[in-house]
Every structure is written in structure tokens, then in C-alpha cells.
Amino acid sequence: MVIDYQLTGLPKNLSKGKLEIINQNLKYLFWLVDKEYLTKIDPENPWPPKNHGIPFNKVKMIDKATVHYQSTFDLNGEERNENFKLENTMLLFDFSSLVPAKELKPFTVVLPVGNE
């Protein structure tokens, strides 16, 4: 599964080091989790329940100037969601490493389903 996104609101002209840190962190900030198991994640030791979430992704920078990325999740990898269905899956994103000083309220992102 491939998710294409752009980070906005970041300072202009980020250094190569800052971009590398963002790129590295994005591998671990996105999770795909079966929504039925979302409440079973322990906040003290956050990790999706076995066979009900994918906590890693491969990150590819598409455009440095616009901070445009793609994250690819291996639906058949070692960490998986056994009964994966897009409509039963939540995309979790940990904003704390990008915006540590602000507490953000939860919001929903609706992913369009395409036949590409």
C-alpha cells in the first residue's frame, strides 16, 4: 500500500541534516492498525497488537523543495494486519517528533480508493 503526502508548515530551506532526520522518523511515525485493535495499544509501550498492525514503512522523498514523500507499507511483511481491509484500517501518525510543543486533537483523513 502506497501513501503519497506532503509535509506543510515546515520552515523553508531545511538543512540536509534536518531532512534526513525527518526522513528517518517518517519510517516509524506512520502505522496501519486494524481499527478494532486501536484501543488495545498500550500508551506506555505503544505497539500495534501482533497481526493487527503494520508499524514500519519504506519512505521515499519525491520532491525536496515541496517536502513531498511516499510511504510504502508491505501488507504481506513480517509485521502485518492478518485480515487487512482498507475500510477497517486506521492510519496512525505520531506528530510528537515533528511538533513536540503542541498537543493536537485527533482528526480523520479519508483515503480515496482508486483503481490505478
PDB file of N, CA and C in Angstrom:
ATOM      1  N   MET A   1       0.852  -1.157   0.000  1.00  0.00           N
ATOM      2  CA  MET A   1       0.000   0.000   0.000  1.00  0.00           C
ATOM      3  C   MET A   1       0.904   1.228   0.000  1.00  0.00           C
ATOM      4  N   VAL A   2       0.621   2.175  -0.882  1.00  0.00           N
ATOM      5  CA  VAL A   2       1.440   3.373  -1.010  1.00  0.00           C
ATOM      6  C   VAL A   2       0.611   4.595  -0.622  1.00  0.00           C
ATOM      7  N   ILE A   3       1.166   5.413   0.253  1.00  0.00           N
ATOM      8  CA  ILE A   3       0.527   6.660   0.658  1.00  0.00           C
ATOM      9  C   ILE A   3       1.435   7.794   0.216  1.00  0.00           C
ATOM     10  N   ASP A   4       0.876   8.726  -0.517  1.00  0.00           N
ATOM     11  CA  ASP A   4       1.595   9.863  -1.067  1.00  0.00           C
ATOM     12  C   ASP A   4       1.176  11.095  -0.262  1.00  0.00           C
ATOM     13  N   TYR A   5       2.133  11.876   0.216  1.00  0.00           N
ATOM     14  CA  TYR A   5       1.794  13.015   1.072  1.00  0.00           C
ATOM     15  C   TYR A   5       2.865  14.095   1.000  1.00  0.00           C
ATOM     16  N   GLN A   6       2.487  15.259   1.486  1.00  0.00           N
ATOM     17  CA  GLN A   6       3.381  16.408   1.527  1.00  0.00           C
ATOM     18  C   GLN A   6       3.319  17.012   2.920  1.00  0.00           C
ATOM     19  N   LEU A   7       4.478  17.324   3.488  1.00  0.00           N
ATOM     20  CA  LEU A   7       4.528  17.991   4.786  1.00  0.00           C
ATOM     21  C   LEU A   7       4.489  19.492   4.547  1.00  0.00           C
ATOM     22  N   THR A   8       3.549  20.170   5.174  1.00  0.00           N
ATOM     23  CA  THR A   8       3.433  21.614   5.015  1.00  0.00           C
ATOM     24  C   THR A   8       3.645  22.286   6.364  1.00  0.00           C
ATOM     25  N   GLY A   9       3.942  23.559   6.325  1.00  0.00           N
ATOM     26  CA  GLY A   9       4.126  24.317   7.555  1.00  0.00           C
ATOM     27  C   GLY A   9       5.515  24.199   8.141  1.00  0.00           C
ATOM     28  N   LEU A  10       6.431  23.539   7.443  1.00  0.00           N
ATOM     29  CA  LEU A  10       7.808  23.439   7.924  1.00  0.00           C
ATOM     30  C   LEU A  10       8.592  24.668   7.484  1.00  0.00           C
ATOM     31  N   PRO A  11       9.668  24.995   8.198  1.00  0.00           N
ATOM     32  CA  PRO A  11      10.485  26.141   7.772  1.00  0.00           C
ATOM     33  C   PRO A  11      11.032  25.924   6.363  1.00  0.00           C
ATOM     34  N   LYS A  12      11.178  27.014   5.617  1.00  0.00           N
ATOM     35  CA  LYS A  12      11.750  26.933   4.269  1.00  0.00           C
ATOM     36  C   LYS A  12      13.238  26.630   4.373  1.00  0.00           C
ATOM     37  N   ASN A  13      13.785  26.029   3.344  1.00  0.00           N
ATOM     38  CA  ASN A  13      15.223  25.732   3.258  1.00  0.00           C
ATOM     39  C   ASN A  13      15.731  24.904   4.428  1.00  0.00           C
ATOM     40  N   LEU A  14      15.085  23.785   4.699  1.00  0.00           N
ATOM     41  CA  LEU A  14      15.555  22.885   5.752  1.00  0.00           C
ATOM     42  C   LEU A  14      16.934  22.347   5.377  1.00  0.00           C
ATOM     43  N   SER A  15      17.791  22.233   6.357  1.00  0.00           N
ATOM     44  CA  SER A  15      19.134  21.710   6.102  1.00  0.00           C
ATOM     45  C   SER A  15      19.063  20.243   5.714  1.00  0.00           C
ATOM     46  N   LYS A  16      20.122  19.755   5.090  1.00  0.00           N
ATOM     47  CA  LYS A  16      20.187  18.349   4.699  1.00  0.00           C
ATOM     48  C   LYS A  16      20.037  17.450   5.924  1.00  0.00           C
ATOM     49  N   GLY A  17      20.664  17.846   7.038  1.00  0.00           N
ATOM     50  CA  GLY A  17      20.573  17.076   8.278  1.00  0.00           C
ATOM     51  C   GLY A  17      19.158  16.985   8.808  1.00  0.00           C
ATOM     52  N   LYS A  18      18.431  18.107   8.786  1.00  0.00           N
ATOM     53  CA  LYS A  18      17.031  18.118   9.260  1.00  0.00           C
ATOM     54  C   LYS A  18      16.154  17.248   8.369  1.00  0.00           C
ATOM     55  N   LEU A  19      16.376  17.325   7.054  1.00  0.00           N
ATOM     56  CA  LEU A  19      15.604  16.491   6.132  1.00  0.00           C
ATOM     57  C   LEU A  19      15.893  15.012   6.353  1.00  0.00           C
ATOM     58  N   GLU A  20      17.132  14.668   6.641  1.00  0.00           N
ATOM     59  CA  GLU A  20      17.481  13.272   6.923  1.00  0.00           C
ATOM     60  C   GLU A  20      16.795  12.782   8.195  1.00  0.00           C
ATOM     61  N   ILE A  21      16.721  13.638   9.206  1.00  0.00           N
ATOM     62  CA  ILE A  21      16.045  13.271  10.454  1.00  0.00           C
ATOM     63  C   ILE A  21      14.554  13.057  10.192  1.00  0.00           C
ATOM     64  N   ILE A  22      13.934  13.960   9.445  1.00  0.00           N
ATOM     65  CA  ILE A  22      12.517  13.817   9.117  1.00  0.00           C
ATOM     66  C   ILE A  22      12.302  12.527   8.335  1.00  0.00           C
ATOM     67  N   ASN A  23      13.140  12.293   7.330  1.00  0.00           N
ATOM     68  CA  ASN A  23      13.032  11.090   6.504  1.00  0.00           C
ATOM     69  C   ASN A  23      13.150   9.828   7.363  1.00  0.00           C
ATOM     70  N   GLN A  24      14.114   9.795   8.266  1.00  0.00           N
ATOM     71  CA  GLN A  24      14.307   8.637   9.142  1.00  0.00           C
ATOM     72  C   GLN A  24      13.099   8.441  10.073  1.00  0.00           C
ATOM     73  N   ASN A  25      12.617   9.531  10.646  1.00  0.00           N
ATOM     74  CA  ASN A  25      11.485   9.435  11.567  1.00  0.00           C
ATOM     75  C   ASN A  25      10.198   8.985  10.884  1.00  0.00           C
ATOM     76  N   LEU A  26      10.002   9.386   9.622  1.00  0.00           N
ATOM     77  CA  LEU A  26       8.769   9.012   8.925  1.00  0.00           C
ATOM     78  C   LEU A  26       8.621   7.505   8.798  1.00  0.00           C
ATOM     79  N   LYS A  27       9.706   6.756   8.803  1.00  0.00           N
ATOM     80  CA  LYS A  27       9.646   5.292   8.711  1.00  0.00           C
ATOM     81  C   LYS A  27       8.892   4.692   9.895  1.00  0.00           C
ATOM     82  N   TYR A  28       8.920   5.399  11.020  1.00  0.00           N
ATOM     83  CA  TYR A  28       8.345   4.864  12.260  1.00  0.00           C
ATOM     84  C   TYR A  28       7.132   5.652  12.750  1.00  0.00           C
ATOM     85  N   LEU A  29       6.811   6.766  12.111  1.00  0.00           N
ATOM     86  CA  LEU A  29       5.721   7.615  12.588  1.00  0.00           C
ATOM     87  C   LEU A  29       4.351   7.202  12.072  1.00  0.00           C
ATOM     88  N   PHE A  30       4.312   6.562  10.902  1.00  0.00           N
ATOM     89  CA  PHE A  30       3.055   6.080  10.336  1.00  0.00           C
ATOM     90  C   PHE A  30       2.845   4.626  10.711  1.00  0.00           C
ATOM     91  N   TRP A  31       1.631   4.307  11.122  1.00  0.00           N
ATOM     92  CA  TRP A  31       1.240   2.917  11.382  1.00  0.00           C
ATOM     93  C   TRP A  31      -0.091   2.666  10.694  1.00  0.00           C
ATOM     94  N   LEU A  32      -0.263   1.448  10.203  1.00  0.00           N
ATOM     95  CA  LEU A  32      -1.571   0.982   9.779  1.00  0.00           C
ATOM     96  C   LEU A  32      -2.050   0.009  10.852  1.00  0.00           C
ATOM     97  N   VAL A  33      -3.227   0.273  11.418  1.00  0.00           N
ATOM     98  CA  VAL A  33      -3.740  -0.553  12.515  1.00  0.00           C
ATOM     99  C   VAL A  33      -5.191  -0.917  12.251  1.00  0.00           C
ATOM    100  N   ASP A  34      -5.531  -2.172  12.502  1.00  0.00           N
ATOM    101  CA  ASP A  34      -6.915  -2.627  12.447  1.00  0.00           C
ATOM    102  C   ASP A  34      -7.698  -1.809  13.483  1.00  0.00           C
ATOM    103  N   LYS A  35      -8.737  -1.096  13.040  1.00  0.00           N
ATOM    104  CA  LYS A  35      -9.444  -0.183  13.948  1.00  0.00           C
ATOM    105  C   LYS A  35     -10.059  -0.888  15.152  1.00  0.00           C
ATOM    106  N   GLU A  36     -10.339  -2.190  15.044  1.00  0.00           N
ATOM    107  CA  GLU A  36     -10.883  -2.944  16.177  1.00  0.00           C
ATOM    108  C   GLU A  36      -9.842  -3.108  17.289  1.00  0.00           C
ATOM    109  N   TYR A  37      -8.573  -2.936  16.976  1.00  0.00           N
ATOM    110  CA  TYR A  37      -7.499  -3.143  17.945  1.00  0.00           C
ATOM    111  C   TYR A  37      -6.842  -1.835  18.374  1.00  0.00           C
ATOM    112  N   LEU A  38      -7.350  -0.725  17.889  1.00  0.00           N
ATOM    113  CA  LEU A  38      -6.790   0.590  18.201  1.00  0.00           C
ATOM    114  C   LEU A  38      -6.736   0.847  19.708  1.00  0.00           C
ATOM    115  N   THR A  39      -7.773   0.466  20.434  1.00  0.00           N
ATOM    116  CA  THR A  39      -7.827   0.708  21.879  1.00  0.00           C
ATOM    117  C   THR A  39      -6.965  -0.270  22.672  1.00  0.00           C
ATOM    118  N   LYS A  40      -6.435  -1.280  22.012  1.00  0.00           N
ATOM    119  CA  LYS A  40      -5.594  -2.264  22.702  1.00  0.00           C
ATOM    120  C   LYS A  40      -4.111  -1.878  22.692  1.00  0.00           C
ATOM    121  N   ILE A  41      -3.782  -0.729  22.102  1.00  0.00           N
ATOM    122  CA  ILE A  41      -2.401  -0.250  22.090  1.00  0.00           C
ATOM    123  C   ILE A  41      -2.118   0.402  23.440  1.00  0.00           C
ATOM    124  N   ASP A  42      -1.091  -0.073  24.115  1.00  0.00           N
ATOM    125  CA  ASP A  42      -0.704   0.437  25.429  1.00  0.00           C
ATOM    126  C   ASP A  42       0.052   1.762  25.259  1.00  0.00           C
ATOM    127  N   PRO A  43      -0.475   2.876  25.777  1.00  0.00           N
ATOM    128  CA  PRO A  43       0.207   4.175  25.618  1.00  0.00           C
ATOM    129  C   PRO A  43       1.592   4.205  26.261  1.00  0.00           C
ATOM    130  N   GLU A  44       1.808   3.384  27.278  1.00  0.00           N
ATOM    131  CA  GLU A  44       3.115   3.339  27.940  1.00  0.00           C
ATOM    132  C   GLU A  44       4.150   2.594  27.098  1.00  0.00           C
ATOM    133  N   ASN A  45       3.700   1.656  26.307  1.00  0.00           N
ATOM    134  CA  ASN A  45       4.574   0.872  25.432  1.00  0.00           C
ATOM    135  C   ASN A  45       3.853   0.700  24.095  1.00  0.00           C
ATOM    136  N   PRO A  46       3.709   1.805  23.324  1.00  0.00           N
ATOM    137  CA  PRO A  46       2.877   1.744  22.136  1.00  0.00           C
ATOM    138  C   PRO A  46       3.440   0.814  21.071  1.00  0.00           C
ATOM    139  N   TRP A  47       2.610  -0.097  20.650  1.00  0.00           N
ATOM    140  CA  TRP A  47       2.932  -1.047  19.594  1.00  0.00           C
ATOM    141  C   TRP A  47       1.633  -1.701  19.169  1.00  0.00           C
ATOM    142  N   PRO A  48       1.392  -1.843  17.886  1.00  0.00           N
ATOM    143  CA  PRO A  48       0.128  -2.483  17.499  1.00  0.00           C
ATOM    144  C   PRO A  48       0.104  -3.954  17.917  1.00  0.00           C
ATOM    145  N   PRO A  49      -1.064  -4.471  18.302  1.00  0.00           N
ATOM    146  CA  PRO A  49      -1.156  -5.890  18.668  1.00  0.00           C
ATOM    147  C   PRO A  49      -0.693  -6.773  17.513  1.00  0.00           C
ATOM    148  N   LYS A  50      -0.040  -7.876  17.853  1.00  0.00           N
ATOM    149  CA  LYS A  50       0.516  -8.785  16.845  1.00  0.00           C
ATOM    150  C   LYS A  50      -0.553  -9.177  15.823  1.00  0.00           C
ATOM    151  N   ASN A  51      -0.174  -9.103  14.564  1.00  0.00           N
ATOM    152  CA  ASN A  51      -1.021  -9.440  13.414  1.00  0.00           C
ATOM    153  C   ASN A  51      -2.210  -8.500  13.221  1.00  0.00           C
ATOM    154  N   HIS A  52      -2.150  -7.328  13.851  1.00  0.00           N
ATOM    155  CA  HIS A  52      -3.234  -6.361  13.680  1.00  0.00           C
ATOM    156  C   HIS A  52      -2.717  -4.960  13.384  1.00  0.00           C
ATOM    157  N   GLY A  53      -1.471  -4.867  12.930  1.00  0.00           N
ATOM    158  CA  GLY A  53      -0.940  -3.563  12.587  1.00  0.00           C
ATOM    159  C   GLY A  53       0.402  -3.659  11.886  1.00  0.00           C
ATOM    160  N   ILE A  54       0.721  -2.618  11.135  1.00  0.00           N
ATOM    161  CA  ILE A  54       1.996  -2.526  10.430  1.00  0.00           C
ATOM    162  C   ILE A  54       2.681  -1.248  10.909  1.00  0.00           C
ATOM    163  N   PRO A  55       3.732  -1.381  11.738  1.00  0.00           N
ATOM    164  CA  PRO A  55       4.354  -0.206  12.338  1.00  0.00           C
ATOM    165  C   PRO A  55       5.540   0.387  11.565  1.00  0.00           C
ATOM    166  N   PHE A  56       5.876  -0.173  10.410  1.00  0.00           N
ATOM    167  CA  PHE A  56       7.013   0.331   9.644  1.00  0.00           C
ATOM    168  C   PHE A  56       6.606   0.555   8.197  1.00  0.00           C
ATOM    169  N   ASN A  57       7.316   1.452   7.527  1.00  0.00           N
ATOM    170  CA  ASN A  57       7.099   1.681   6.111  1.00  0.00           C
ATOM    171  C   ASN A  57       8.400   2.117   5.463  1.00  0.00           C
ATOM    172  N   LYS A  58       8.473   1.957   4.150  1.00  0.00           N
ATOM    173  CA  LYS A  58       9.622   2.452   3.386  1.00  0.00           C
ATOM    174  C   LYS A  58       9.273   3.852   2.926  1.00  0.00           C
ATOM    175  N   VAL A  59      10.187   4.790   3.156  1.00  0.00           N
ATOM    176  CA  VAL A  59       9.945   6.189   2.828  1.00  0.00           C
ATOM    177  C   VAL A  59      10.784   6.595   1.622  1.00  0.00           C
ATOM    178  N   LYS A  60      10.153   7.306   0.707  1.00  0.00           N
ATOM    179  CA  LYS A  60      10.843   7.819  -0.477  1.00  0.00           C
ATOM    180  C   LYS A  60      10.515   9.296  -0.613  1.00  0.00           C
ATOM    181  N   MET A  61      11.554  10.139  -0.704  1.00  0.00           N
ATOM    182  CA  MET A  61      11.319  11.563  -0.936  1.00  0.00           C
ATOM    183  C   MET A  61      11.085  11.768  -2.428  1.00  0.00           C
ATOM    184  N   ILE A  62       9.951  12.355  -2.762  1.00  0.00           N
ATOM    185  CA  ILE A  62       9.596  12.607  -4.155  1.00  0.00           C
ATOM    186  C   ILE A  62      10.145  13.957  -4.601  1.00  0.00           C
ATOM    187  N   ASP A  63       9.993  14.981  -3.754  1.00  0.00           N
ATOM    188  CA  ASP A  63      10.443  16.330  -4.106  1.00  0.00           C
ATOM    189  C   ASP A  63      10.907  17.054  -2.847  1.00  0.00           C
ATOM    190  N   LYS A  64      12.195  17.349  -2.785  1.00  0.00           N
ATOM    191  CA  LYS A  64      12.776  18.019  -1.617  1.00  0.00           C
ATOM    192  C   LYS A  64      12.209  19.425  -1.434  1.00  0.00           C
ATOM    193  N   ALA A  65      12.027  20.159  -2.522  1.00  0.00           N
ATOM    194  CA  ALA A  65      11.564  21.553  -2.436  1.00  0.00           C
ATOM    195  C   ALA A  65      10.174  21.671  -1.819  1.00  0.00           C
ATOM    196  N   THR A  66       9.315  20.682  -2.100  1.00  0.00           N
ATOM    197  CA  THR A  66       7.942  20.739  -1.570  1.00  0.00           C
ATOM    198  C   THR A  66       7.734  19.773  -0.404  1.00  0.00           C
ATOM    199  N   VAL A  67       8.785  19.109   0.044  1.00  0.00           N
ATOM    200  CA  VAL A  67       8.744  18.124   1.128  1.00  0.00           C
ATOM    201  C   VAL A  67       7.639  17.092   0.854  1.00  0.00           C
ATOM    202  N   HIS A  68       7.705  16.518  -0.340  1.00  0.00           N
ATOM    203  CA  HIS A  68       6.733  15.548  -0.841  1.00  0.00           C
ATOM    204  C   HIS A  68       7.326  14.148  -0.700  1.00  0.00           C
ATOM    205  N   TYR A  69       6.565  13.239  -0.072  1.00  0.00           N
ATOM    206  CA  TYR A  69       7.038  11.891   0.228  1.00  0.00           C
ATOM    207  C   TYR A  69       6.043  10.836  -0.229  1.00  0.00           C
ATOM    208  N   GLN A  70       6.535   9.596  -0.255  1.00  0.00           N
ATOM    209  CA  GLN A  70       5.691   8.414  -0.375  1.00  0.00           C
ATOM    210  C   GLN A  70       6.106   7.438   0.709  1.00  0.00           C
ATOM    211  N   SER A  71       5.134   6.813   1.342  1.00  0.00           N
ATOM    212  CA  SER A  71       5.385   5.733   2.302  1.00  0.00           C
ATOM    213  C   SER A  71       4.749   4.470   1.746  1.00  0.00           C
ATOM    214  N   THR A  72       5.528   3.381   1.720  1.00  0.00           N
ATOM    215  CA  THR A  72       5.044   2.102   1.218  1.00  0.00           C
ATOM    216  C   THR A  72       5.002   1.101   2.361  1.00  0.00           C
ATOM    217  N   PHE A  73       3.825   0.531   2.575  1.00  0.00           N
ATOM    218  CA  PHE A  73       3.623  -0.482   3.610  1.00  0.00           C
ATOM    219  C   PHE A  73       3.549  -1.848   2.946  1.00  0.00           C
ATOM    220  N   ASP A  74       4.315  -2.809   3.456  1.00  0.00           N
ATOM    221  CA  ASP A  74       4.294  -4.184   2.946  1.00  0.00           C
ATOM    222  C   ASP A  74       3.169  -4.932   3.661  1.00  0.00           C
ATOM    223  N   LEU A  75       2.058  -5.132   2.961  1.00  0.00           N
ATOM    224  CA  LEU A  75       0.887  -5.781   3.564  1.00  0.00           C
ATOM    225  C   LEU A  75       1.116  -7.263   3.830  1.00  0.00           C
ATOM    226  N   ASN A  76       2.157  -7.845   3.227  1.00  0.00           N
ATOM    227  CA  ASN A  76       2.468  -9.258   3.431  1.00  0.00           C
ATOM    228  C   ASN A  76       3.782  -9.451   4.169  1.00  0.00           C
ATOM    229  N   GLY A  77       4.276  -8.411   4.822  1.00  0.00           N
ATOM    230  CA  GLY A  77       5.555  -8.479   5.519  1.00  0.00           C
ATOM    231  C   GLY A  77       5.465  -9.206   6.847  1.00  0.00           C
ATOM    232  N   GLU A  78       6.570  -9.170   7.571  1.00  0.00           N
ATOM    233  CA  GLU A  78       6.633  -9.840   8.876  1.00  0.00           C
ATOM    234  C   GLU A  78       5.623  -9.248   9.854  1.00  0.00           C
ATOM    235  N   GLU A  79       5.572  -7.915   9.920  1.00  0.00           N
ATOM    236  CA  GLU A  79       4.546  -7.228  10.726  1.00  0.00           C
ATOM    237  C   GLU A  79       3.376  -6.972   9.791  1.00  0.00           C
ATOM    238  N   ARG A  80       2.192  -7.475  10.146  1.00  0.00           N
ATOM    239  CA  ARG A  80       1.074  -7.364   9.221  1.00  0.00           C
ATOM    240  C   ARG A  80      -0.249  -7.228   9.951  1.00  0.00           C
ATOM    241  N   ASN A  81      -1.236  -6.932   9.161  1.00  0.00           N
ATOM    242  CA  ASN A  81      -2.615  -6.936   9.614  1.00  0.00           C
ATOM    243  C   ASN A  81      -3.237  -8.143   8.932  1.00  0.00           C
ATOM    244  N   GLU A  82      -3.450  -9.223   9.687  1.00  0.00           N
ATOM    245  CA  GLU A  82      -3.872 -10.510   9.124  1.00  0.00           C
ATOM    246  C   GLU A  82      -5.077 -10.424   8.204  1.00  0.00           C
ATOM    247  N   ASN A  83      -6.088  -9.731   8.616  1.00  0.00           N
ATOM    248  CA  ASN A  83      -7.333  -9.640   7.838  1.00  0.00           C
ATOM    249  C   ASN A  83      -7.491  -8.242   7.266  1.00  0.00           C
ATOM    250  N   PHE A  84      -6.464  -7.777   6.564  1.00  0.00           N
ATOM    251  CA  PHE A  84      -6.452  -6.401   6.069  1.00  0.00           C
ATOM    252  C   PHE A  84      -7.624  -6.113   5.142  1.00  0.00           C
ATOM    253  N   LYS A  85      -8.345  -5.057   5.488  1.00  0.00           N
ATOM    254  CA  LYS A  85      -9.370  -4.461   4.635  1.00  0.00           C
ATOM    255  C   LYS A  85      -9.209  -2.963   4.820  1.00  0.00           C
ATOM    256  N   LEU A  86      -9.112  -2.225   3.729  1.00  0.00           N
ATOM    257  CA  LEU A  86      -8.885  -0.789   3.802  1.00  0.00           C
ATOM    258  C   LEU A  86      -9.922  -0.098   4.683  1.00  0.00           C
ATOM    259  N   GLU A  87     -11.186  -0.507   4.558  1.00  0.00           N
ATOM    260  CA  GLU A  87     -12.249   0.153   5.329  1.00  0.00           C
ATOM    261  C   GLU A  87     -12.173  -0.130   6.828  1.00  0.00           C
ATOM    262  N   ASN A  88     -11.388  -1.124   7.245  1.00  0.00           N
ATOM    263  CA  ASN A  88     -11.227  -1.450   8.669  1.00  0.00           C
ATOM    264  C   ASN A  88      -9.867  -1.028   9.212  1.00  0.00           C
ATOM    265  N   THR A  89      -9.137  -0.232   8.459  1.00  0.00           N
ATOM    266  CA  THR A  89      -7.769   0.132   8.834  1.00  0.00           C
ATOM    267  C   THR A  89      -7.652   1.608   9.137  1.00  0.00           C
ATOM    268  N   MET A  90      -6.959   1.904  10.237  1.00  0.00           N
ATOM    269  CA  MET A  90      -6.695   3.284  10.645  1.00  0.00           C
ATOM    270  C   MET A  90      -5.235   3.612  10.329  1.00  0.00           C
ATOM    271  N   LEU A  91      -5.003   4.815   9.853  1.00  0.00           N
ATOM    272  CA  LEU A  91      -3.653   5.309   9.651  1.00  0.00           C
ATOM    273  C   LEU A  91      -3.318   6.168  10.859  1.00  0.00           C
ATOM    274  N   LEU A  92      -2.362   5.710  11.663  1.00  0.00           N
ATOM    275  CA  LEU A  92      -1.935   6.478  12.828  1.00  0.00           C
ATOM    276  C   LEU A  92      -0.661   7.217  12.477  1.00  0.00           C
ATOM    277  N   PHE A  93      -0.551   8.440  12.936  1.00  0.00           N
ATOM    278  CA  PHE A  93       0.654   9.235  12.715  1.00  0.00           C
ATOM    279  C   PHE A  93       1.025   9.905  14.022  1.00  0.00           C
ATOM    280  N   ASP A  94       2.247   9.720  14.464  1.00  0.00           N
ATOM    281  CA  ASP A  94       2.738  10.324  15.702  1.00  0.00           C
ATOM    282  C   ASP A  94       3.387  11.662  15.362  1.00  0.00           C
ATOM    283  N   PHE A  95       2.654  12.742  15.596  1.00  0.00           N
ATOM    284  CA  PHE A  95       3.144  14.077  15.275  1.00  0.00           C
ATOM    285  C   PHE A  95       4.159  14.596  16.298  1.00  0.00           C
ATOM    286  N   SER A  96       4.322  13.911  17.420  1.00  0.00           N
ATOM    287  CA  SER A  96       5.123  14.472  18.517  1.00  0.00           C
ATOM    288  C   SER A  96       6.572  14.756  18.130  1.00  0.00           C
ATOM    289  N   SER A  97       7.152  13.994  17.208  1.00  0.00           N
ATOM    290  CA  SER A  97       8.540  14.272  16.841  1.00  0.00           C
ATOM    291  C   SER A  97       8.651  15.450  15.877  1.00  0.00           C
ATOM    292  N   LEU A  98       7.552  15.819  15.219  1.00  0.00           N
ATOM    293  CA  LEU A  98       7.570  16.967  14.322  1.00  0.00           C
ATOM    294  C   LEU A  98       7.061  18.235  14.992  1.00  0.00           C
ATOM    295  N   VAL A  99       6.125  18.073  15.937  1.00  0.00           N
ATOM    296  CA  VAL A  99       5.518  19.220  16.612  1.00  0.00           C
ATOM    297  C   VAL A  99       5.469  18.921  18.103  1.00  0.00           C
ATOM    298  N   PRO A 100       6.619  18.881  18.775  1.00  0.00           N
ATOM    299  CA  PRO A 100       6.627  18.465  20.177  1.00  0.00           C
ATOM    300  C   PRO A 100       5.983  19.461  21.141  1.00  0.00           C
ATOM    301  N   ALA A 101       5.848  20.721  20.763  1.00  0.00           N
ATOM    302  CA  ALA A 101       5.355  21.722  21.699  1.00  0.00           C
ATOM    303  C   ALA A 101       3.836  21.895  21.649  1.00  0.00           C
ATOM    304  N   LYS A 102       3.163  21.242  20.705  1.00  0.00           N
ATOM    305  CA  LYS A 102       1.721  21.421  20.565  1.00  0.00           C
ATOM    306  C   LYS A 102       1.002  20.096  20.767  1.00  0.00           C
ATOM    307  N   GLU A 103      -0.115  20.158  21.482  1.00  0.00           N
ATOM    308  CA  GLU A 103      -0.963  18.978  21.614  1.00  0.00           C
ATOM    309  C   GLU A 103      -2.048  19.091  20.553  1.00  0.00           C
ATOM    310  N   LEU A 104      -2.101  18.115  19.656  1.00  0.00           N
ATOM    311  CA  LEU A 104      -3.065  18.140  18.562  1.00  0.00           C
ATOM    312  C   LEU A 104      -4.228  17.214  18.869  1.00  0.00           C
ATOM    313  N   LYS A 105      -5.426  17.672  18.542  1.00  0.00           N
ATOM    314  CA  LYS A 105      -6.615  16.845  18.713  1.00  0.00           C
ATOM    315  C   LYS A 105      -6.667  15.835  17.576  1.00  0.00           C
ATOM    316  N   PRO A 106      -7.241  14.652  17.828  1.00  0.00           N
ATOM    317  CA  PRO A 106      -7.361  13.658  16.752  1.00  0.00           C
ATOM    318  C   PRO A 106      -8.209  14.188  15.605  1.00  0.00           C
ATOM    319  N   PHE A 107      -7.870  13.772  14.388  1.00  0.00           N
ATOM    320  CA  PHE A 107      -8.663  14.115  13.224  1.00  0.00           C
ATOM    321  C   PHE A 107      -8.650  12.924  12.266  1.00  0.00           C
ATOM    322  N   THR A 108      -9.564  12.936  11.319  1.00  0.00           N
ATOM    323  CA  THR A 108      -9.718  11.819  10.392  1.00  0.00           C
ATOM    324  C   THR A 108      -9.251  12.226   9.008  1.00  0.00           C
ATOM    325  N   VAL A 109      -8.518  11.321   8.359  1.00  0.00           N
ATOM    326  CA  VAL A 109      -8.108  11.505   6.969  1.00  0.00           C
ATOM    327  C   VAL A 109      -8.794  10.413   6.166  1.00  0.00           C
ATOM    328  N   VAL A 110      -9.590  10.799   5.186  1.00  0.00           N
ATOM    329  CA  VAL A 110     -10.271   9.830   4.336  1.00  0.00           C
ATOM    330  C   VAL A 110      -9.396   9.604   3.111  1.00  0.00           C
ATOM    331  N   LEU A 111      -8.998   8.339   2.899  1.00  0.00           N
ATOM    332  CA  LEU A 111      -8.153   7.996   1.764  1.00  0.00           C
ATOM    333  C   LEU A 111      -9.021   7.575   0.591  1.00  0.00           C
ATOM    334  N   PRO A 112      -8.832   8.221  -0.570  1.00  0.00           N
ATOM    335  CA  PRO A 112      -9.624   7.816  -1.728  1.00  0.00           C
ATOM    336  C   PRO A 112      -9.168   6.448  -2.227  1.00  0.00           C
ATOM    337  N   VAL A 113     -10.109   5.674  -2.703  1.00  0.00           N
ATOM    338  CA  VAL A 113      -9.795   4.353  -3.250  1.00  0.00           C
ATOM    339  C   VAL A 113      -9.780   4.497  -4.770  1.00  0.00           C
ATOM    340  N   GLY A 114      -8.639   4.175  -5.370  1.00  0.00           N
ATOM    341  CA  GLY A 114      -8.519   4.299  -6.820  1.00  0.00           C
ATOM    342  C   GLY A 114      -8.174   2.967  -7.457  1.00  0.00           C
ATOM    343  N   ASN A 115      -8.354   2.906  -8.726  1.00  0.00           N
ATOM    344  CA  ASN A 115      -8.043   1.685  -9.482  1.00  0.00           C
ATOM    345  C   ASN A 115      -6.826   1.899 -10.356  1.00  0.00           C
ATOM    346  N   GLU A 116      -5.792   2.479  -9.808  1.00  0.00           N
ATOM    347  CA  GLU A 116      -4.580   2.745 -10.588  1.00  0.00           C
ATOM    348  C   GLU A 116      -3.674   1.558 -10.590  1.00  0.00           C
TER     349      GLU A 116
END
